[in-house]
């Protein structure tokens, strides 16, 4: 596989029972589906081993704006998304294979996002509250209420019509 940033060959590295692919040129790392979940929390020691190893790699300035192609499925452009409700770190994910590409420093940043599960839960609640109070959601709710009222009106009319049909 090749690095989606530098096109250099990725190097396989084994950490415990986890094998990942690392870019020696940019310090980015490829996680196959579900592998990131094994190292994303601060309390997961395996993640700290990987972070320490990645610190040794060069981290040249790279333009992270261009969309990346998946190292495993080169014909697929990866989706970019925020890793957490805090919206601080964006990662690239392949919609086909489910793998994740993290640029240099992103794994360390992810591991530092939350001190505890309580912090994560609080950030999630704050994110949901901000989305629910957004103008877009408020407009959608008004539109839904208007549609509900119209449908109830139509239902009432149809109900009266059937009463008239029964009398004749």
Protein backbone atom coordinates (compact mmCIF):
# COMPACT_ATOMS: atom_id res chain seq x y z
CA UNK A 1 0.00 0.00 0.00
CA UNK A 2 1.07 3.58 -0.60
CA UNK A 3 0.80 6.66 1.58
CA UNK A 4 -2.15 8.77 0.41
CA UNK A 5 -0.14 11.95 1.17
CA UNK A 6 3.34 11.18 -0.19
CA UNK A 7 2.76 8.10 -2.41
CA UNK A 8 5.64 6.35 -0.61
CA UNK A 9 5.25 2.70 0.35
CA UNK A 10 3.68 2.28 3.79
CA UNK A 11 5.69 0.24 6.29
CA UNK A 12 3.96 -2.44 8.37
CA UNK A 13 4.54 -2.07 12.10
CA UNK A 14 3.36 -4.48 14.76
CA UNK A 15 2.38 -3.29 18.24
CA UNK A 16 1.20 -6.14 20.43
CA UNK A 17 -1.57 -7.87 18.48
CA UNK A 18 -2.13 -4.85 16.21
CA UNK A 19 -0.48 -4.43 12.81
CA UNK A 20 -0.72 -0.96 11.26
CA UNK A 21 0.79 0.73 8.22
CA UNK A 22 2.94 3.80 8.79
CA UNK A 23 4.23 6.39 6.33
CA UNK A 24 7.95 6.90 6.98
CA UNK A 25 7.82 10.19 5.08
CA UNK A 26 4.95 12.01 6.76
CA UNK A 27 4.27 10.05 9.95
CA UNK A 28 0.70 9.25 8.93
CA UNK A 29 -0.85 5.94 9.90
CA UNK A 30 -3.41 3.59 8.34
CA UNK A 31 -5.79 1.61 10.54
CA UNK A 32 -7.89 -1.17 9.05
CA UNK A 33 -11.55 -1.33 10.05
CA UNK A 34 -12.07 -1.30 13.84
CA UNK A 35 -8.35 -1.07 14.63
CA UNK A 36 -8.49 2.58 15.69
CA UNK A 37 -10.92 1.65 18.46
CA UNK A 38 -8.14 -0.40 20.10
CA UNK A 39 -5.89 2.63 20.62
CA UNK A 40 -8.03 5.79 20.68
CA UNK A 41 -8.46 6.14 24.46
CA UNK A 42 -5.79 7.47 26.79
CA UNK A 43 -5.99 4.38 29.03
CA UNK A 44 -5.16 1.99 26.17
CA UNK A 45 -1.42 1.31 26.54
CA UNK A 46 -1.05 -0.01 23.01
CA UNK A 47 -1.97 3.44 21.74
CA UNK A 48 0.82 5.06 23.72
CA UNK A 49 3.35 2.67 22.15
CA UNK A 50 2.18 3.70 18.69
CA UNK A 51 2.25 7.43 19.55
CA UNK A 52 5.83 7.11 20.84
CA UNK A 53 6.90 5.36 17.63
CA UNK A 54 5.20 7.94 15.41
CA UNK A 55 6.95 10.82 17.18
CA UNK A 56 10.20 9.55 15.62
CA UNK A 57 8.94 10.09 12.07
CA UNK A 58 9.49 13.27 10.13
CA UNK A 59 6.44 15.51 10.00
CA UNK A 60 6.87 17.81 7.04
CA UNK A 61 4.21 20.39 6.37
CA UNK A 62 1.69 18.80 4.06
CA UNK A 63 -1.40 20.36 2.60
CA UNK A 64 -4.21 18.44 4.29
CA UNK A 65 -6.95 20.10 2.23
CA UNK A 66 -6.97 17.71 -0.76
CA UNK A 67 -9.20 14.67 -0.50
CA UNK A 68 -7.28 11.42 -0.24
CA UNK A 69 -7.59 8.11 -2.01
CA UNK A 70 -7.79 5.01 0.15
CA UNK A 71 -4.46 3.17 0.43
CA UNK A 72 -6.29 -0.17 0.33
CA UNK A 73 -8.85 0.70 -2.37
CA UNK A 74 -7.08 3.22 -4.62
CA UNK A 75 -10.19 3.87 -6.72
CA UNK A 76 -12.10 5.19 -3.66
CA UNK A 77 -11.87 8.76 -2.37
CA UNK A 78 -12.05 8.76 1.41
CA UNK A 79 -14.62 10.72 3.39
CA UNK A 80 -13.39 13.34 5.82
CA UNK A 81 -15.15 13.64 9.16
CA UNK A 82 -14.62 14.97 12.64
CA UNK A 83 -13.47 12.26 14.99
CA UNK A 84 -15.49 13.46 17.98
CA UNK A 85 -18.24 15.86 19.02
CA UNK A 86 -15.54 18.37 19.97
CA UNK A 87 -14.90 18.88 16.24
CA UNK A 88 -11.17 19.42 16.69
CA UNK A 89 -9.63 16.61 14.67
CA UNK A 90 -10.64 15.49 11.20
CA UNK A 91 -9.80 12.02 9.99
CA UNK A 92 -10.18 10.34 6.60
CA UNK A 93 -12.24 7.15 6.31
CA UNK A 94 -12.81 4.81 3.42
CA UNK A 95 -16.51 4.15 2.82
CA UNK A 96 -15.65 0.87 1.09
CA UNK A 97 -13.24 -0.91 3.47
CA UNK A 98 -13.89 1.09 6.67
CA UNK A 99 -10.22 1.89 7.23
CA UNK A 100 -9.02 5.19 8.70
CA UNK A 101 -6.09 7.43 7.76
CA UNK A 102 -4.65 9.65 10.47
CA UNK A 103 -2.09 12.31 9.64
CA UNK A 104 0.93 12.90 11.85
CA UNK A 105 -0.09 13.94 15.35
CA UNK A 106 -3.78 13.10 14.96
CA UNK A 107 -3.65 9.86 16.98
CA UNK A 108 -1.97 11.71 19.84
CA UNK A 109 -4.58 14.46 19.55
CA UNK A 110 -7.43 11.95 19.59
CA UNK A 111 -6.03 10.29 22.69
CA UNK A 112 -5.82 13.69 24.41
CA UNK A 113 -9.39 14.77 23.57
CA UNK A 114 -11.06 13.26 26.62
CA UNK A 115 -9.70 12.63 30.07
CA UNK A 116 -12.51 10.25 30.96
CA UNK A 117 -15.72 8.69 29.69
CA UNK A 118 -17.59 11.39 31.64
CA UNK A 119 -15.79 14.06 29.60
CA UNK A 120 -16.74 12.25 26.38
CA UNK A 121 -20.40 11.98 27.47
CA UNK A 122 -20.50 15.68 28.35
CA UNK A 123 -19.00 16.65 24.98
CA UNK A 124 -21.58 14.47 23.23
CA UNK A 125 -24.45 16.10 25.14
CA UNK A 126 -23.14 19.57 24.28
CA UNK A 127 -22.80 18.62 20.62
CA UNK A 128 -26.34 17.23 20.43
CA UNK A 129 -27.72 20.33 22.17
CA UNK A 130 -25.91 22.62 19.72
CA UNK A 131 -27.22 20.66 16.72
CA UNK A 132 -30.78 20.59 18.05
CA UNK A 133 -30.77 24.36 18.63
CA UNK A 134 -29.30 25.13 15.20
CA UNK A 135 -31.37 27.21 12.77
CA UNK A 136 -31.53 24.29 10.33
CA UNK A 137 -33.06 21.92 12.88
CA UNK A 138 -35.43 24.61 14.13
CA UNK A 139 -36.62 25.26 10.54
CA UNK A 140 -37.09 21.52 10.01
CA UNK A 141 -39.17 21.25 13.18
CA UNK A 142 -41.39 24.18 12.10
CA UNK A 143 -41.83 22.61 8.67
CA UNK A 144 -42.73 19.25 10.24
CA UNK A 145 -45.28 20.90 12.53
CA UNK A 146 -46.87 22.71 9.56
CA UNK A 147 -47.07 19.46 7.63
CA UNK A 148 -48.58 17.68 10.65
CA UNK A 149 -51.26 20.38 10.94
CA UNK A 150 -52.09 20.12 7.24
CA UNK A 151 -52.39 16.34 7.44
CA UNK A 152 -54.66 16.60 10.47
CA UNK A 153 -56.83 19.07 8.53
CA UNK A 154 -57.04 16.71 5.58
CA UNK A 155 -57.85 13.84 7.92
CA UNK A 156 -60.63 15.86 9.50
CA UNK A 157 -62.10 16.66 6.09
CA UNK A 158 -61.93 13.04 5.00
CA UNK A 159 -63.55 11.98 8.25
CA UNK A 160 -66.49 14.36 7.68
CA UNK A 161 -66.85 13.22 4.08
CA UNK A 162 -67.19 9.60 5.16
CA UNK A 163 -69.87 10.65 7.69
CA UNK A 164 -71.84 12.26 4.84
CA UNK A 165 -71.52 9.11 2.72
CA UNK A 166 -72.91 6.99 5.57
CA UNK A 167 -76.13 9.12 5.82
CA UNK A 168 -77.20 8.58 2.24
